[in-house]
Structure formats: C-alpha cells, structure tokens
Amino acid sequence: MFVELDLQGRSFATGVTDVKGSVPRFSEQLVDVPLTVSALGALRQILGLAAAGPWPDKLNYELRGRIGGPAFSGLRFQSRGELSLGAAQR
C-alpha cells in the first residue's frame, strides 16, 4: 500500500508498507502505514499557514493511495475532508 497526504493543497507526507493480507468483499481492514514528513514539507506548511493570515481552525486534507494486488492489478483510493485544530489550540 502506498499513500500520499496533502494539507491545504500542498504535499505533506508519504508512506508505504509491504504488509500482506486480504480484504474480503464488502468488509474493512485496518492497515498501519508509517508516514514520512520531510523537514522542508513541514516548514512549507507552517510558512504557508502563517502567510495566509490568522491560524485556521481547520485544515483541508486529501489522502490518495493505492492498494497493491497481484501483478499489475490494484485499487486506487482517495479521501478528502477537514481536520479540526480547535482542540489543539486549547
């Protein structure tokens, strides 16, 4: 499995795992994927947020990835939403 995480439209983190297993149809499976954030990516996020004005209460995110399958088959996925920062500021 491979994932990419964008925050506020900017690349933030990537991750990959070689965990093997299966997900039966119409079911769910939790998979731990370690994410790596580069120092430059973190700095870009902080500078971008600081330049945008007041610190936001929420961050928009987009998570994209691919679940590998046999040979060249696989399944791509994508999720979008908001991360609330309200609790972190208290």
PDB file of N, CA and C in Angstrom:
ATOM      1  N   MET A   1       0.843  -1.163   0.000  1.00  0.00           N
ATOM      2  CA  MET A   1       0.000   0.000   0.000  1.00  0.00           C
ATOM      3  C   MET A   1       0.892   1.231   0.000  1.00  0.00           C
ATOM      4  N   PHE A   2       0.473   2.218  -0.767  1.00  0.00           N
ATOM      5  CA  PHE A   2       1.174   3.485  -0.864  1.00  0.00           C
ATOM      6  C   PHE A   2       0.164   4.591  -0.614  1.00  0.00           C
ATOM      7  N   VAL A   3       0.529   5.619   0.178  1.00  0.00           N
ATOM      8  CA  VAL A   3      -0.364   6.743   0.435  1.00  0.00           C
ATOM      9  C   VAL A   3       0.391   8.062   0.319  1.00  0.00           C
ATOM     10  N   GLU A   4      -0.351   9.093  -0.070  1.00  0.00           N
ATOM     11  CA  GLU A   4       0.141  10.468  -0.113  1.00  0.00           C
ATOM     12  C   GLU A   4      -0.868  11.330   0.624  1.00  0.00           C
ATOM     13  N   LEU A   5      -0.390  12.232   1.472  1.00  0.00           N
ATOM     14  CA  LEU A   5      -1.255  13.124   2.230  1.00  0.00           C
ATOM     15  C   LEU A   5      -0.922  14.561   1.877  1.00  0.00           C
ATOM     16  N   ASP A   6      -1.945  15.310   1.429  1.00  0.00           N
ATOM     17  CA  ASP A   6      -1.810  16.739   1.158  1.00  0.00           C
ATOM     18  C   ASP A   6      -2.586  17.502   2.220  1.00  0.00           C
ATOM     19  N   LEU A   7      -2.019  18.610   2.683  1.00  0.00           N
ATOM     20  CA  LEU A   7      -2.713  19.520   3.590  1.00  0.00           C
ATOM     21  C   LEU A   7      -2.793  20.878   2.917  1.00  0.00           C
ATOM     22  N   GLN A   8      -3.979  21.463   2.925  1.00  0.00           N
ATOM     23  CA  GLN A   8      -4.204  22.771   2.319  1.00  0.00           C
ATOM     24  C   GLN A   8      -3.702  22.817   0.874  1.00  0.00           C
ATOM     25  N   GLY A   9      -3.814  21.711   0.154  1.00  0.00           N
ATOM     26  CA  GLY A   9      -3.418  21.659  -1.242  1.00  0.00           C
ATOM     27  C   GLY A   9      -1.929  21.482  -1.481  1.00  0.00           C
ATOM     28  N   ARG A  10      -1.155  21.289  -0.402  1.00  0.00           N
ATOM     29  CA  ARG A  10       0.293  21.106  -0.540  1.00  0.00           C
ATOM     30  C   ARG A  10       0.683  19.710  -0.073  1.00  0.00           C
ATOM     31  N   SER A  11       1.613  19.113  -0.783  1.00  0.00           N
ATOM     32  CA  SER A  11       2.117  17.798  -0.393  1.00  0.00           C
ATOM     33  C   SER A  11       2.704  17.871   1.013  1.00  0.00           C
ATOM     34  N   PHE A  12       2.362  16.897   1.864  1.00  0.00           N
ATOM     35  CA  PHE A  12       2.821  16.931   3.249  1.00  0.00           C
ATOM     36  C   PHE A  12       3.543  15.658   3.669  1.00  0.00           C
ATOM     37  N   ALA A  13       2.970  14.502   3.365  1.00  0.00           N
ATOM     38  CA  ALA A  13       3.555  13.245   3.836  1.00  0.00           C
ATOM     39  C   ALA A  13       3.287  12.129   2.835  1.00  0.00           C
ATOM     40  N   THR A  14       4.176  11.134   2.852  1.00  0.00           N
ATOM     41  CA  THR A  14       4.000   9.936   2.043  1.00  0.00           C
ATOM     42  C   THR A  14       4.311   8.721   2.905  1.00  0.00           C
ATOM     43  N   GLY A  15       3.780   7.591   2.502  1.00  0.00           N
ATOM     44  CA  GLY A  15       4.054   6.367   3.241  1.00  0.00           C
ATOM     45  C   GLY A  15       3.850   5.145   2.376  1.00  0.00           C
ATOM     46  N   VAL A  16       4.509   4.082   2.775  1.00  0.00           N
ATOM     47  CA  VAL A  16       4.401   2.821   2.058  1.00  0.00           C
ATOM     48  C   VAL A  16       4.552   1.688   3.067  1.00  0.00           C
ATOM     49  N   THR A  17       3.863   0.601   2.822  1.00  0.00           N
ATOM     50  CA  THR A  17       4.003  -0.579   3.665  1.00  0.00           C
ATOM     51  C   THR A  17       3.966  -1.817   2.782  1.00  0.00           C
ATOM     52  N   ASP A  18       4.622  -2.856   3.234  1.00  0.00           N
ATOM     53  CA  ASP A  18       4.622  -4.110   2.475  1.00  0.00           C
ATOM     54  C   ASP A  18       3.809  -5.192   3.185  1.00  0.00           C
ATOM     55  N   VAL A  19       2.924  -4.780   4.084  1.00  0.00           N
ATOM     56  CA  VAL A  19       2.080  -5.730   4.808  1.00  0.00           C
ATOM     57  C   VAL A  19       1.223  -6.495   3.810  1.00  0.00           C
ATOM     58  N   LYS A  20       1.188  -7.806   3.962  1.00  0.00           N
ATOM     59  CA  LYS A  20       0.383  -8.642   3.070  1.00  0.00           C
ATOM     60  C   LYS A  20      -0.859  -9.119   3.810  1.00  0.00           C
ATOM     61  N   GLY A  21      -1.895  -9.332   3.063  1.00  0.00           N
ATOM     62  CA  GLY A  21      -3.143  -9.806   3.650  1.00  0.00           C
ATOM     63  C   GLY A  21      -4.235  -9.739   2.604  1.00  0.00           C
ATOM     64  N   SER A  22      -5.450  -9.844   3.049  1.00  0.00           N
ATOM     65  CA  SER A  22      -6.578  -9.762   2.131  1.00  0.00           C
ATOM     66  C   SER A  22      -7.732  -9.044   2.812  1.00  0.00           C
ATOM     67  N   VAL A  23      -8.566  -8.434   1.985  1.00  0.00           N
ATOM     68  CA  VAL A  23      -9.770  -7.764   2.457  1.00  0.00           C
ATOM     69  C   VAL A  23     -10.940  -8.397   1.723  1.00  0.00           C
ATOM     70  N   PRO A  24     -11.744  -9.187   2.423  1.00  0.00           N
ATOM     71  CA  PRO A  24     -12.895  -9.804   1.770  1.00  0.00           C
ATOM     72  C   PRO A  24     -13.856  -8.742   1.238  1.00  0.00           C
ATOM     73  N   ARG A  25     -14.636  -9.103   0.247  1.00  0.00           N
ATOM     74  CA  ARG A  25     -15.599  -8.168  -0.325  1.00  0.00           C
ATOM     75  C   ARG A  25     -16.541  -7.626   0.740  1.00  0.00           C
ATOM     76  N   PHE A  26     -16.881  -6.344   0.575  1.00  0.00           N
ATOM     77  CA  PHE A  26     -17.822  -5.652   1.457  1.00  0.00           C
ATOM     78  C   PHE A  26     -17.377  -5.673   2.917  1.00  0.00           C
ATOM     79  N   SER A  27     -16.083  -5.594   3.146  1.00  0.00           N
ATOM     80  CA  SER A  27     -15.592  -5.577   4.523  1.00  0.00           C
ATOM     81  C   SER A  27     -14.509  -4.508   4.653  1.00  0.00           C
ATOM     82  N   GLU A  28     -13.956  -4.420   5.839  1.00  0.00           N
ATOM     83  CA  GLU A  28     -12.923  -3.434   6.125  1.00  0.00           C
ATOM     84  C   GLU A  28     -11.732  -4.113   6.773  1.00  0.00           C
ATOM     85  N   GLN A  29     -10.579  -3.475   6.647  1.00  0.00           N
ATOM     86  CA  GLN A  29      -9.359  -3.986   7.261  1.00  0.00           C
ATOM     87  C   GLN A  29      -8.501  -2.785   7.629  1.00  0.00           C
ATOM     88  N   LEU A  30      -8.014  -2.721   8.864  1.00  0.00           N
ATOM     89  CA  LEU A  30      -7.097  -1.661   9.270  1.00  0.00           C
ATOM     90  C   LEU A  30      -5.675  -2.064   8.926  1.00  0.00           C
ATOM     91  N   VAL A  31      -4.943  -1.122   8.333  1.00  0.00           N
ATOM     92  CA  VAL A  31      -3.557  -1.362   7.946  1.00  0.00           C
ATOM     93  C   VAL A  31      -2.732  -0.182   8.442  1.00  0.00           C
ATOM     94  N   ASP A  32      -1.685  -0.450   9.185  1.00  0.00           N
ATOM     95  CA  ASP A  32      -0.779   0.605   9.630  1.00  0.00           C
ATOM     96  C   ASP A  32       0.176   0.955   8.500  1.00  0.00           C
ATOM     97  N   VAL A  33       0.218   2.233   8.163  1.00  0.00           N
ATOM     98  CA  VAL A  33       1.131   2.720   7.138  1.00  0.00           C
ATOM     99  C   VAL A  33       1.944   3.855   7.755  1.00  0.00           C
ATOM    100  N   PRO A  34       3.236   3.638   7.978  1.00  0.00           N
ATOM    101  CA  PRO A  34       4.051   4.720   8.538  1.00  0.00           C
ATOM    102  C   PRO A  34       4.208   5.851   7.516  1.00  0.00           C
ATOM    103  N   LEU A  35       3.998   7.083   7.966  1.00  0.00           N
ATOM    104  CA  LEU A  35       4.122   8.245   7.092  1.00  0.00           C
ATOM    105  C   LEU A  35       5.422   8.979   7.380  1.00  0.00           C
ATOM    106  N   THR A  36       6.007   9.527   6.341  1.00  0.00           N
ATOM    107  CA  THR A  36       7.229  10.315   6.457  1.00  0.00           C
ATOM    108  C   THR A  36       6.925  11.745   6.053  1.00  0.00           C
ATOM    109  N   VAL A  37       7.307  12.682   6.917  1.00  0.00           N
ATOM    110  CA  VAL A  37       7.149  14.101   6.637  1.00  0.00           C
ATOM    111  C   VAL A  37       8.548  14.692   6.547  1.00  0.00           C
ATOM    112  N   SER A  38       8.864  15.299   5.415  1.00  0.00           N
ATOM    113  CA  SER A  38      10.189  15.919   5.289  1.00  0.00           C
ATOM    114  C   SER A  38      10.205  17.230   6.065  1.00  0.00           C
ATOM    115  N   ALA A  39      11.379  17.624   6.516  1.00  0.00           N
ATOM    116  CA  ALA A  39      11.522  18.891   7.238  1.00  0.00           C
ATOM    117  C   ALA A  39      11.114  20.051   6.333  1.00  0.00           C
ATOM    118  N   LEU A  40      11.466  19.964   5.058  1.00  0.00           N
ATOM    119  CA  LEU A  40      11.104  21.010   4.115  1.00  0.00           C
ATOM    120  C   LEU A  40       9.585  21.074   3.928  1.00  0.00           C
ATOM    121  N   GLY A  41       8.928  19.910   3.857  1.00  0.00           N
ATOM    122  CA  GLY A  41       7.472  19.879   3.725  1.00  0.00           C
ATOM    123  C   GLY A  41       6.776  20.480   4.931  1.00  0.00           C
ATOM    124  N   ALA A  42       7.270  20.185   6.131  1.00  0.00           N
ATOM    125  CA  ALA A  42       6.688  20.745   7.352  1.00  0.00           C
ATOM    126  C   ALA A  42       6.900  22.253   7.391  1.00  0.00           C
ATOM    127  N   LEU A  43       8.080  22.706   7.011  1.00  0.00           N
ATOM    128  CA  LEU A  43       8.373  24.138   7.004  1.00  0.00           C
ATOM    129  C   LEU A  43       7.494  24.870   5.996  1.00  0.00           C
ATOM    130  N   ARG A  44       7.295  24.271   4.814  1.00  0.00           N
ATOM    131  CA  ARG A  44       6.420  24.875   3.806  1.00  0.00           C
ATOM    132  C   ARG A  44       4.997  25.020   4.337  1.00  0.00           C
ATOM    133  N   GLN A  45       4.511  24.003   5.044  1.00  0.00           N
ATOM    134  CA  GLN A  45       3.160  24.077   5.599  1.00  0.00           C
ATOM    135  C   GLN A  45       3.046  25.204   6.616  1.00  0.00           C
ATOM    136  N   ILE A  46       4.011  25.297   7.509  1.00  0.00           N
ATOM    137  CA  ILE A  46       3.966  26.329   8.552  1.00  0.00           C
ATOM    138  C   ILE A  46       4.045  27.723   7.933  1.00  0.00           C
ATOM    139  N   LEU A  47       4.956  27.917   6.990  1.00  0.00           N
ATOM    140  CA  LEU A  47       5.079  29.226   6.345  1.00  0.00           C
ATOM    141  C   LEU A  47       3.829  29.573   5.541  1.00  0.00           C
ATOM    142  N   GLY A  48       3.249  28.592   4.875  1.00  0.00           N
ATOM    143  CA  GLY A  48       2.027  28.821   4.121  1.00  0.00           C
ATOM    144  C   GLY A  48       0.860  29.196   5.005  1.00  0.00           C
ATOM    145  N   LEU A  49       0.745  28.541   6.156  1.00  0.00           N
ATOM    146  CA  LEU A  49      -0.332  28.868   7.091  1.00  0.00           C
ATOM    147  C   LEU A  49      -0.121  30.240   7.714  1.00  0.00           C
ATOM    148  N   ALA A  50       1.131  30.570   8.041  1.00  0.00           N
ATOM    149  CA  ALA A  50       1.432  31.867   8.645  1.00  0.00           C
ATOM    150  C   ALA A  50       1.167  33.006   7.658  1.00  0.00           C
ATOM    151  N   ALA A  51       1.467  32.792   6.386  1.00  0.00           N
ATOM    152  CA  ALA A  51       1.276  33.831   5.375  1.00  0.00           C
ATOM    153  C   ALA A  51      -0.196  34.038   5.038  1.00  0.00           C
ATOM    154  N   ALA A  52      -1.029  33.039   5.319  1.00  0.00           N
ATOM    155  CA  ALA A  52      -2.442  33.108   4.963  1.00  0.00           C
ATOM    156  C   ALA A  52      -3.260  33.968   5.929  1.00  0.00           C
ATOM    157  N   GLY A  53      -2.673  34.434   6.999  1.00  0.00           N
ATOM    158  CA  GLY A  53      -3.405  35.255   7.964  1.00  0.00           C
ATOM    159  C   GLY A  53      -3.555  34.533   9.281  1.00  0.00           C
ATOM    160  N   PRO A  54      -4.699  34.739   9.959  1.00  0.00           N
ATOM    161  CA  PRO A  54      -4.905  34.090  11.265  1.00  0.00           C
ATOM    162  C   PRO A  54      -4.826  32.570  11.148  1.00  0.00           C
ATOM    163  N   TRP A  55      -4.342  31.946  12.216  1.00  0.00           N
ATOM    164  CA  TRP A  55      -4.209  30.486  12.225  1.00  0.00           C
ATOM    165  C   TRP A  55      -5.586  29.858  12.043  1.00  0.00           C
ATOM    166  N   PRO A  56      -5.742  28.923  11.099  1.00  0.00           N
ATOM    167  CA  PRO A  56      -7.071  28.345  10.834  1.00  0.00           C
ATOM    168  C   PRO A  56      -7.515  27.363  11.916  1.00  0.00           C
ATOM    169  N   ASP A  57      -8.829  27.212  12.040  1.00  0.00           N
ATOM    170  CA  ASP A  57      -9.398  26.219  12.964  1.00  0.00           C
ATOM    171  C   ASP A  57      -9.417  24.838  12.331  1.00  0.00           C
ATOM    172  N   LYS A  58      -9.392  24.803  11.001  1.00  0.00           N
ATOM    173  CA  LYS A  58      -9.470  23.534  10.277  1.00  0.00           C
ATOM    174  C   LYS A  58      -8.469  23.530   9.136  1.00  0.00           C
ATOM    175  N   LEU A  59      -7.971  22.333   8.823  1.00  0.00           N
ATOM    176  CA  LEU A  59      -7.094  22.136   7.669  1.00  0.00           C
ATOM    177  C   LEU A  59      -7.779  21.194   6.697  1.00  0.00           C
ATOM    178  N   ASN A  60      -7.783  21.551   5.423  1.00  0.00           N
ATOM    179  CA  ASN A  60      -8.298  20.643   4.401  1.00  0.00           C
ATOM    180  C   ASN A  60      -7.237  19.597   4.102  1.00  0.00           C
ATOM    181  N   TYR A  61      -7.669  18.351   3.963  1.00  0.00           N
ATOM    182  CA  TYR A  61      -6.726  17.290   3.620  1.00  0.00           C
ATOM    183  C   TYR A  61      -7.243  16.482   2.445  1.00  0.00           C
ATOM    184  N   GLU A  62      -6.311  15.851   1.769  1.00  0.00           N
ATOM    185  CA  GLU A  62      -6.635  14.883   0.730  1.00  0.00           C
ATOM    186  C   GLU A  62      -5.667  13.720   0.895  1.00  0.00           C
ATOM    187  N   LEU A  63      -6.205  12.539   0.996  1.00  0.00           N
ATOM    188  CA  LEU A  63      -5.413  11.320   1.122  1.00  0.00           C
ATOM    189  C   LEU A  63      -5.647  10.485  -0.122  1.00  0.00           C
ATOM    190  N   ARG A  64      -4.562  10.169  -0.826  1.00  0.00           N
ATOM    191  CA  ARG A  64      -4.636   9.336  -2.028  1.00  0.00           C
ATOM    192  C   ARG A  64      -3.718   8.147  -1.834  1.00  0.00           C
ATOM    193  N   GLY A  65      -4.065   7.064  -2.482  1.00  0.00           N
ATOM    194  CA  GLY A  65      -3.190   5.915  -2.374  1.00  0.00           C
ATOM    195  C   GLY A  65      -3.565   4.799  -3.313  1.00  0.00           C
ATOM    196  N   ARG A  66      -2.832   3.727  -3.156  1.00  0.00           N
ATOM    197  CA  ARG A  66      -3.052   2.538  -3.984  1.00  0.00           C
ATOM    198  C   ARG A  66      -2.808   1.306  -3.137  1.00  0.00           C
ATOM    199  N   ILE A  67      -3.742   0.395  -3.208  1.00  0.00           N
ATOM    200  CA  ILE A  67      -3.598  -0.911  -2.565  1.00  0.00           C
ATOM    201  C   ILE A  67      -3.156  -1.872  -3.658  1.00  0.00           C
ATOM    202  N   GLY A  68      -2.014  -2.473  -3.468  1.00  0.00           N
ATOM    203  CA  GLY A  68      -1.465  -3.373  -4.479  1.00  0.00           C
ATOM    204  C   GLY A  68      -2.245  -4.668  -4.571  1.00  0.00           C
ATOM    205  N   GLY A  69      -2.165  -5.265  -5.711  1.00  0.00           N
ATOM    206  CA  GLY A  69      -2.787  -6.554  -5.959  1.00  0.00           C
ATOM    207  C   GLY A  69      -1.823  -7.431  -6.724  1.00  0.00           C
ATOM    208  N   PRO A  70      -2.268  -8.605  -7.163  1.00  0.00           N
ATOM    209  CA  PRO A  70      -1.384  -9.475  -7.933  1.00  0.00           C
ATOM    210  C   PRO A  70      -0.988  -8.827  -9.260  1.00  0.00           C
ATOM    211  N   ALA A  71       0.248  -9.007  -9.627  1.00  0.00           N
ATOM    212  CA  ALA A  71       0.820  -8.457 -10.876  1.00  0.00           C
ATOM    213  C   ALA A  71       0.600  -6.950 -10.928  1.00  0.00           C
ATOM    214  N   PHE A  72      -0.076  -6.454 -11.962  1.00  0.00           N
ATOM    215  CA  PHE A  72      -0.264  -5.016 -12.114  1.00  0.00           C
ATOM    216  C   PHE A  72      -1.652  -4.557 -11.686  1.00  0.00           C
ATOM    217  N   SER A  73      -2.423  -5.439 -11.095  1.00  0.00           N
ATOM    218  CA  SER A  73      -3.745  -5.014 -10.643  1.00  0.00           C
ATOM    219  C   SER A  73      -3.603  -4.333  -9.288  1.00  0.00           C
ATOM    220  N   GLY A  74      -4.560  -3.571  -8.944  1.00  0.00           N
ATOM    221  CA  GLY A  74      -4.551  -2.849  -7.678  1.00  0.00           C
ATOM    222  C   GLY A  74      -5.756  -1.933  -7.632  1.00  0.00           C
ATOM    223  N   LEU A  75      -5.946  -1.303  -6.508  1.00  0.00           N
ATOM    224  CA  LEU A  75      -7.100  -0.434  -6.318  1.00  0.00           C
ATOM    225  C   LEU A  75      -6.621   0.913  -5.818  1.00  0.00           C
ATOM    226  N   ARG A  76      -7.007   1.960  -6.523  1.00  0.00           N
ATOM    227  CA  ARG A  76      -6.687   3.311  -6.084  1.00  0.00           C
ATOM    228  C   ARG A  76      -7.821   3.825  -5.202  1.00  0.00           C
ATOM    229  N   PHE A  77      -7.471   4.688  -4.246  1.00  0.00           N
ATOM    230  CA  PHE A  77      -8.484   5.278  -3.385  1.00  0.00           C
ATOM    231  C   PHE A  77      -8.141   6.728  -3.119  1.00  0.00           C
ATOM    232  N   GLN A  78      -9.149   7.473  -2.670  1.00  0.00           N
ATOM    233  CA  GLN A  78      -8.976   8.887  -2.379  1.00  0.00           C
ATOM    234  C   GLN A  78      -9.996   9.285  -1.322  1.00  0.00           C
ATOM    235  N   SER A  79      -9.582  10.145  -0.409  1.00  0.00           N
ATOM    236  CA  SER A  79     -10.472  10.657   0.624  1.00  0.00           C
ATOM    237  C   SER A  79     -10.141  12.121   0.857  1.00  0.00           C
ATOM    238  N   ARG A  80     -11.165  12.939   1.037  1.00  0.00           N
ATOM    239  CA  ARG A  80     -10.992  14.364   1.316  1.00  0.00           C
ATOM    240  C   ARG A  80     -11.812  14.736   2.536  1.00  0.00           C
ATOM    241  N   GLY A  81     -11.352  15.764   3.226  1.00  0.00           N
ATOM    242  CA  GLY A  81     -12.107  16.229   4.378  1.00  0.00           C
ATOM    243  C   GLY A  81     -11.391  17.353   5.091  1.00  0.00           C
ATOM    244  N   GLU A  82     -11.776  17.561   6.350  1.00  0.00           N
ATOM    245  CA  GLU A  82     -11.196  18.611   7.163  1.00  0.00           C
ATOM    246  C   GLU A  82     -10.701  18.030   8.466  1.00  0.00           C
ATOM    247  N   LEU A  83      -9.569  18.542   8.930  1.00  0.00           N
ATOM    248  CA  LEU A  83      -9.025  18.196  10.244  1.00  0.00           C
ATOM    249  C   LEU A  83      -9.250  19.393  11.150  1.00  0.00           C
ATOM    250  N   SER A  84      -9.908  19.171  12.281  1.00  0.00           N
ATOM    251  CA  SER A  84     -10.180  20.256  13.212  1.00  0.00           C
ATOM    252  C   SER A  84      -8.969  20.495  14.106  1.00  0.00           C
ATOM    253  N   LEU A  85      -8.561  21.741  14.239  1.00  0.00           N
ATOM    254  CA  LEU A  85      -7.455  22.103  15.103  1.00  0.00           C
ATOM    255  C   LEU A  85      -7.928  22.785  16.376  1.00  0.00           C
ATOM    256  N   GLY A  86      -9.226  22.888  16.577  1.00  0.00           N
ATOM    257  CA  GLY A  86      -9.778  23.571  17.744  1.00  0.00           C
ATOM    258  C   GLY A  86      -9.281  23.021  19.058  1.00  0.00           C
ATOM    259  N   ALA A  87      -9.221  21.696  19.206  1.00  0.00           N
ATOM    260  CA  ALA A  87      -8.776  21.082  20.470  1.00  0.00           C
ATOM    261  C   ALA A  87      -7.289  21.298  20.695  1.00  0.00           C
ATOM    262  N   ALA A  88      -6.506  21.386  19.609  1.00  0.00           N
ATOM    263  CA  ALA A  88      -5.058  21.555  19.745  1.00  0.00           C
ATOM    264  C   ALA A  88      -4.683  22.942  20.248  1.00  0.00           C
ATOM    265  N   GLN A  89      -5.556  23.930  20.041  1.00  0.00           N
ATOM    266  CA  GLN A  89      -5.245  25.289  20.441  1.00  0.00           C
ATOM    267  C   GLN A  89      -5.591  25.569  21.889  1.00  0.00           C
ATOM    268  N   ARG A  90      -6.312  24.705  22.542  1.00  0.00           N
ATOM    269  CA  ARG A  90      -6.738  24.937  23.935  1.00  0.00           C
ATOM    270  C   ARG A  90      -5.703  24.504  24.911  1.00  0.00           C
TER     271      ARG A  90
END
